Structure formats: structure tokens, C-alpha cells
Protein backbone atom coordinates (compact mmCIF):
# COMPACT_ATOMS: atom_id res chain seq x y z
CA MET A 1 14.32 2.58 1.09
CA MET A 2 11.55 0.56 2.80
CA ASP A 3 10.55 -3.07 2.35
CA PRO A 4 6.87 -3.68 1.29
CA THR A 5 7.83 -7.43 1.74
CA ARG A 6 8.31 -6.46 6.28
CA ILE A 7 5.84 -4.29 6.42
CA LEU A 8 2.56 -4.89 8.21
CA PHE A 9 -0.05 -3.04 6.18
CA ALA A 10 -3.72 -2.43 4.48
CA GLN A 11 -5.73 -0.72 2.21
CA LEU A 12 -8.17 2.41 1.89
CA GLU A 13 -9.89 3.20 -0.57
CA ARG A 14 -10.57 6.15 -2.47
CA LYS A 15 -12.27 8.35 -5.86
CA LEU A 16 -9.49 7.75 -8.40
CA LEU A 17 -8.35 11.14 -9.23
CA ASP A 18 -7.70 13.23 -12.63
CA ASP A 19 -4.19 13.03 -12.55
CA ASP A 20 -3.40 13.11 -16.59
CA ASP A 21 -0.22 15.25 -15.68
CA ASN A 22 1.24 12.58 -13.23
CA ARG A 23 1.86 14.05 -10.72
CA GLY A 24 1.25 11.23 -8.45
CA LEU A 25 -2.06 12.01 -6.86
CA ASN A 26 -3.34 8.90 -6.44
CA CYS A 27 -0.63 8.35 -4.16
CA HIS A 28 -0.79 10.43 -1.64
CA GLY A 29 -1.34 9.53 1.64
CA CYS A 30 0.12 6.06 0.18
CA LEU A 31 2.55 4.76 2.90
CA PHE A 32 4.92 3.85 0.03
CA HIS A 33 4.67 7.33 -2.08
CA ARG A 34 7.50 8.85 -3.17
CA GLN A 35 9.43 5.71 -2.50
CA PRO A 36 11.08 4.39 -5.87
CA ALA A 37 9.60 2.78 -8.34
CA ARG A 38 10.37 -0.02 -7.04
CA VAL A 39 9.42 -0.38 -3.54
CA CYS A 40 6.06 0.35 -5.00
CA HIS A 41 6.00 -2.13 -7.46
CA VAL A 42 7.40 -4.81 -4.51
CA ALA A 43 4.35 -3.53 -2.69
CA GLY A 44 1.86 -4.32 -5.29
CA ILE A 45 2.25 -7.91 -5.37
CA GLU A 46 2.98 -8.47 -1.87
CA ALA A 47 -0.27 -7.13 -1.36
CA VAL A 48 -2.12 -9.47 -4.15
CA LYS A 49 -0.01 -12.01 -1.54
CA ARG A 50 -2.02 -10.81 1.09
CA GLY A 51 -5.23 -11.11 -0.10
CA LEU A 52 -5.26 -7.31 -1.37
CA ARG A 53 -5.74 -5.38 -4.46
CA ASP A 54 -3.02 -4.03 -6.32
CA CYS A 55 -2.68 -0.47 -6.34
CA ASP A 56 -2.47 -0.03 -10.02
CA SER A 57 -6.01 -1.47 -10.53
CA LEU A 58 -9.27 0.38 -10.55
CA ASP A 59 -12.52 -1.50 -9.62
CA GLN A 60 -15.92 -1.09 -11.25
CA PHE A 61 -17.11 1.94 -9.38
CA GLY A 62 -13.77 4.14 -10.75
CA GLU A 63 -12.34 3.55 -6.64
CA VAL A 64 -8.33 2.59 -6.36
CA VAL A 65 -6.71 1.78 -3.67
CA ILE A 66 -3.40 3.25 -0.55
CA TYR A 67 -1.86 1.55 1.65
CA VAL A 68 -1.82 2.43 4.76
CA ALA A 69 -0.23 1.67 8.50
CA THR A 70 -1.85 -0.76 9.93
CA ALA A 71 -2.39 -0.77 13.08
CA VAL A 72 -0.88 -2.57 16.13
CA ASP A 73 -1.44 -3.65 19.36
CA PRO A 74 1.78 -2.82 21.20
CA ARG A 75 1.01 -6.17 22.77
CA GLN A 76 1.58 -8.36 19.94
CA MET A 77 5.14 -6.39 19.11
CA ASP A 78 6.96 -10.02 20.41
CA LEU A 79 4.43 -11.96 18.16
CA ILE A 80 5.02 -9.91 14.88
CA GLY A 81 9.52 -9.41 15.68
CA GLU A 82 9.52 -13.81 16.03
CA GLN A 83 8.07 -13.98 12.19
CA ASN A 84 10.84 -11.26 10.67
């Protein structure tokens, strides 16, 4: 199980897909897709703390966000490891 509080991630905006039958279409490609609901809930809270949008929110243009892995420069790995 993933821990969103220990993972660097960014948001990616995209159009809301018609998902009336609740197949999770709007979650495809998300870093936390197919994780337990608790992980997704924590990811949304952590995103807001980091100044990102909650993935369950719609903006005025009908777009949602998914979370994607943040590109990390390998030279920064020591710095990232020290924060944990």
C-alpha cells in the first residue's frame, strides 16, 4: 500500500470523463489508481496541504486532476532521503 505523505507527486489536469457507471475512468493514469480508498483520501488531503487541488474537485471548466509522479533529478536523492 502506498503512503501519499511520503511520495512526491504533482497534479495533471484533464477533462472530466462520463463515468456514470462508476468504473473509475477519471482515475486512470493516477499514481494512486487501484489503491485502497483510504490511500486516495489521504492523497487528496496531502495534495491540498501542498497547494494542489483535491482530485475530487471540479473546476469551472469541468476539469479534474490526477496525481502523477514528480520528476526528480537523481542528484537530489540524498536531499529527499534526509527529509523522511
